[in-house]
Amino acid sequence: MVSVSMRGHCPNCNSPLTADELSVNPPICPTCKAELQVLIKANWVYAVLSVAVASIIAGLQGYESIVFAFWVLIYGTIVLFLIKFYRWELHLPIKIVAVPNCQLWPKDTL
């Protein structure tokens, strides 16, 4: 028996969405066929966390001054990439929104 974890609801039709339905690119609601966008909530927390972990790693390696700052930047980028890459496995809180219509002109102009 396979357990399906619900990750949210469609903002248009309120139908439940699973992690498998949201992990495709671009995510589309299977009920109303609306194109969706998955945003990670509290993104700044993960940036601060990655800089903190990077500072600890660089400090334990004994770096100082500008070399310390350089390696904090490198390690912080790697940690933030890993958090973003494994966002589904980490079950980070997400927000599901419909893709906004950013057209400047209508498609059916005469």
Protein backbone atom coordinates (compact mmCIF):
# COMPACT_ATOMS: atom_id res chain seq x y z
CA MET A 1 0.00 0.00 0.00
CA VAL A 2 1.47 3.33 -1.07
CA SER A 3 0.99 6.33 1.15
CA VAL A 4 0.31 9.58 -0.70
CA SER A 5 1.24 12.72 1.18
CA MET A 6 -0.84 15.80 0.47
CA ARG A 7 1.31 18.91 0.09
CA GLY A 8 -1.37 21.54 -0.49
CA HIS A 9 -4.45 22.62 -2.40
CA CYS A 10 -4.99 24.27 -5.77
CA PRO A 11 -5.68 28.00 -5.30
CA ASN A 12 -8.29 27.93 -8.11
CA CYS A 13 -10.40 24.81 -7.44
CA ASN A 14 -9.20 23.81 -3.93
CA SER A 15 -8.47 20.21 -4.98
CA PRO A 16 -5.75 18.43 -2.96
CA LEU A 17 -2.30 18.16 -4.55
CA THR A 18 0.36 15.55 -3.83
CA ALA A 19 4.13 15.96 -3.86
CA ASP A 20 4.33 13.99 -7.13
CA GLU A 21 1.89 16.36 -8.85
CA LEU A 22 3.86 19.41 -7.65
CA SER A 23 7.32 18.10 -8.47
CA VAL A 24 6.76 18.10 -12.25
CA ASN A 25 7.88 21.14 -14.20
CA PRO A 26 5.67 23.20 -14.60
CA PRO A 27 3.22 22.00 -11.94
CA ILE A 28 -0.33 21.76 -13.28
CA CYS A 29 -3.49 21.04 -11.28
CA PRO A 30 -4.92 17.70 -12.47
CA THR A 31 -8.50 18.87 -11.84
CA CYS A 32 -8.74 22.37 -13.35
CA LYS A 33 -5.50 22.28 -15.45
CA ALA A 34 -4.30 25.59 -13.96
CA GLU A 35 -0.58 26.23 -14.14
CA LEU A 36 0.79 26.57 -10.61
CA GLN A 37 3.90 27.95 -8.96
CA VAL A 38 5.44 26.44 -5.82
CA LEU A 39 7.17 28.92 -3.51
CA ILE A 40 9.17 28.08 -0.40
CA LYS A 41 7.94 29.95 2.67
CA ALA A 42 10.44 31.82 4.88
CA ASN A 43 13.21 31.66 2.29
CA TRP A 44 15.32 34.10 4.34
CA VAL A 45 15.54 31.56 7.19
CA TYR A 46 17.31 29.08 4.91
CA ALA A 47 19.72 31.78 3.70
CA VAL A 48 20.64 32.70 7.29
CA LEU A 49 20.94 29.02 8.20
CA SER A 50 23.26 28.35 5.26
CA VAL A 51 25.51 31.31 6.19
CA ALA A 52 25.62 30.14 9.82
CA VAL A 53 26.57 26.59 8.84
CA ALA A 54 29.14 27.93 6.37
CA SER A 55 30.65 30.16 9.07
CA ILE A 56 31.00 27.20 11.41
CA ILE A 57 32.63 25.07 8.71
CA ALA A 58 35.06 27.82 7.68
CA GLY A 59 35.85 28.63 11.32
CA LEU A 60 36.60 24.97 12.11
CA GLN A 61 38.98 24.86 9.17
CA GLY A 62 40.93 27.80 10.62
CA TYR A 63 40.36 30.38 7.90
CA GLU A 64 40.76 34.06 8.79
CA SER A 65 39.98 37.47 7.30
CA ILE A 66 39.16 37.68 3.59
CA VAL A 67 39.84 33.98 3.07
CA PHE A 68 37.24 33.25 5.77
CA ALA A 69 34.69 35.46 3.99
CA PHE A 70 35.45 33.80 0.64
CA TRP A 71 34.92 30.29 2.01
CA VAL A 72 31.78 31.32 3.89
CA LEU A 73 30.40 32.54 0.58
CA ILE A 74 31.34 29.30 -1.19
CA TYR A 75 30.10 26.97 1.58
CA GLY A 76 26.93 29.04 2.07
CA THR A 77 26.09 28.75 -1.61
CA ILE A 78 26.59 24.98 -1.51
CA VAL A 79 24.44 24.55 1.62
CA LEU A 80 21.67 26.76 0.18
CA PHE A 81 21.76 24.78 -3.07
CA LEU A 82 21.41 21.52 -1.13
CA ILE A 83 18.45 22.90 0.83
CA LYS A 84 16.73 23.99 -2.39
CA PHE A 85 17.56 20.73 -4.20
CA TYR A 86 16.18 18.53 -1.39
CA ARG A 87 13.16 20.71 -0.58
CA TRP A 88 10.68 17.87 -1.24
CA GLU A 89 12.56 15.34 0.88
CA LEU A 90 12.97 17.88 3.71
CA HIS A 91 9.22 18.69 3.62
CA LEU A 92 9.83 22.42 3.80
CA PRO A 93 6.72 24.59 4.16
CA ILE A 94 5.51 25.69 0.74
CA LYS A 95 2.97 28.08 -0.71
CA ILE A 96 1.10 27.18 -3.91
CA VAL A 97 -0.06 30.05 -6.11
CA ALA A 98 -1.44 30.33 -9.62
CA VAL A 99 0.95 31.65 -12.24
CA PRO A 100 0.08 35.31 -12.85
CA ASN A 101 -0.87 36.49 -16.32
CA CYS A 102 1.92 38.91 -17.28
CA GLN A 103 0.83 39.69 -20.83
CA LEU A 104 0.99 43.32 -21.85
CA TRP A 105 -1.38 42.87 -24.79
CA PRO A 106 -4.25 40.46 -25.37
CA LYS A 107 -3.56 37.54 -27.71
CA ASP A 108 -6.57 38.06 -29.99
CA THR A 109 -5.98 41.52 -31.32
CA LEU A 110 -7.66 42.38 -34.61
